[in-house]
């Protein structure tokens, strides 16, 4: 099964291609602000699909959200493993306890 680590690896590979050859590289070349903007656009589209109860569209938009989130992390030089470590840390206690501690 395809997972986020595989997607991160593909993004890392494509980041090194020229912007003319790779959409990923062109996003990264435009900087973190543009990557964040694209992530936000895709997140809004996923929300609209969810509210409309459109499962097919939500599936497609969620794929876009995950891709653009990983591109945003790449632009900020944050590896997925850091995010996964934080999620793991948070699961050591209940969500209510974790949220109250912030």
Protein backbone atom coordinates (compact mmCIF):
# COMPACT_ATOMS: atom_id res chain seq x y z
CA UNK A 1 0.00 0.00 0.00
CA UNK A 2 1.19 3.50 -0.85
CA UNK A 3 1.92 5.62 2.21
CA UNK A 4 2.94 9.16 3.13
CA UNK A 5 6.60 8.21 3.46
CA UNK A 6 6.59 7.08 -0.16
CA UNK A 7 4.93 10.34 -1.17
CA UNK A 8 7.53 12.29 0.79
CA UNK A 9 10.28 10.39 -1.05
CA UNK A 10 8.74 11.22 -4.42
CA UNK A 11 8.46 14.89 -3.43
CA UNK A 12 12.11 14.90 -2.35
CA UNK A 13 13.16 13.39 -5.69
CA UNK A 14 11.08 15.80 -7.72
CA UNK A 15 12.28 18.78 -5.70
CA UNK A 16 15.66 18.31 -7.36
CA UNK A 17 14.26 18.42 -10.88
CA UNK A 18 13.96 21.66 -12.77
CA UNK A 19 10.84 23.74 -12.28
CA UNK A 20 9.96 23.27 -15.97
CA UNK A 21 10.01 19.49 -15.55
CA UNK A 22 8.36 19.18 -12.16
CA UNK A 23 5.26 20.77 -10.66
CA UNK A 24 6.70 19.98 -7.23
CA UNK A 25 9.94 21.79 -8.02
CA UNK A 26 8.02 24.79 -9.36
CA UNK A 27 5.98 25.03 -6.16
CA UNK A 28 9.12 24.84 -4.04
CA UNK A 29 10.86 27.40 -6.22
CA UNK A 30 7.98 29.82 -5.53
CA UNK A 31 8.69 29.55 -1.79
CA UNK A 32 6.93 28.64 1.40
CA UNK A 33 4.27 31.35 1.06
CA UNK A 34 3.10 29.91 -2.28
CA UNK A 35 3.24 26.36 -0.92
CA UNK A 36 1.11 27.44 2.05
CA UNK A 37 -1.35 29.18 -0.27
CA UNK A 38 -1.75 26.05 -2.41
CA UNK A 39 -2.21 23.91 0.70
CA UNK A 40 -4.91 26.29 1.93
CA UNK A 41 -6.72 26.24 -1.41
CA UNK A 42 -6.79 22.45 -1.43
CA UNK A 43 -7.93 22.30 2.21
CA UNK A 44 -10.84 24.62 1.42
CA UNK A 45 -11.80 22.47 -1.56
CA UNK A 46 -11.76 19.38 0.69
CA UNK A 47 -13.97 21.16 3.22
CA UNK A 48 -16.45 22.11 0.50
CA UNK A 49 -16.58 18.52 -0.73
CA UNK A 50 -17.10 17.24 2.84
CA UNK A 51 -19.93 19.71 3.53
CA UNK A 52 -21.53 18.72 0.22
CA UNK A 53 -21.23 15.08 1.28
CA UNK A 54 -19.46 14.36 -2.01
CA UNK A 55 -17.34 11.32 -1.16
CA UNK A 56 -15.63 11.05 -4.55
CA UNK A 57 -14.65 14.71 -4.61
CA UNK A 58 -13.55 14.57 -0.96
CA UNK A 59 -11.28 11.64 -1.79
CA UNK A 60 -9.69 13.54 -4.68
CA UNK A 61 -9.30 16.75 -2.71
CA UNK A 62 -7.84 14.91 0.29
CA UNK A 63 -5.15 13.50 -1.98
CA UNK A 64 -4.38 17.07 -3.05
CA UNK A 65 -4.32 18.21 0.59
CA UNK A 66 -1.85 15.50 1.59
CA UNK A 67 0.39 16.21 -1.39
CA UNK A 68 0.41 19.96 -0.80
CA UNK A 69 0.93 19.51 2.95
CA UNK A 70 4.04 17.43 2.30
CA UNK A 71 5.29 20.00 -0.21
CA UNK A 72 4.72 22.71 2.41
CA UNK A 73 6.67 20.68 4.97
CA UNK A 74 9.48 20.23 2.43
CA UNK A 75 9.57 23.98 1.80
CA UNK A 76 9.89 24.56 5.55
CA UNK A 77 12.55 21.82 5.83
CA UNK A 78 10.42 19.76 8.21
CA UNK A 79 10.59 16.02 7.59
CA UNK A 80 7.43 13.96 7.88
CA UNK A 81 9.16 11.95 10.61
CA UNK A 82 9.10 15.04 12.86
CA UNK A 83 5.34 15.33 12.41
CA UNK A 84 4.87 11.62 13.02
CA UNK A 85 6.97 11.84 16.19
CA UNK A 86 4.77 14.64 17.45
CA UNK A 87 1.63 12.63 16.72
CA UNK A 88 3.14 9.66 18.53
CA UNK A 89 3.95 11.85 21.53
CA UNK A 90 0.38 13.13 21.62
CA UNK A 91 -1.12 9.65 21.59
CA UNK A 92 0.56 8.83 24.90
CA UNK A 93 -2.44 10.43 26.64
CA UNK A 94 -6.04 11.20 25.83
CA UNK A 95 -6.84 13.91 23.34
CA UNK A 96 -8.66 15.91 26.00
CA UNK A 97 -5.61 15.82 28.29
CA UNK A 98 -3.26 16.72 25.46
CA UNK A 99 -5.38 19.64 24.30
CA UNK A 100 -5.75 20.97 27.85
CA UNK A 101 -1.97 21.03 28.23
CA UNK A 102 -1.53 23.48 25.32
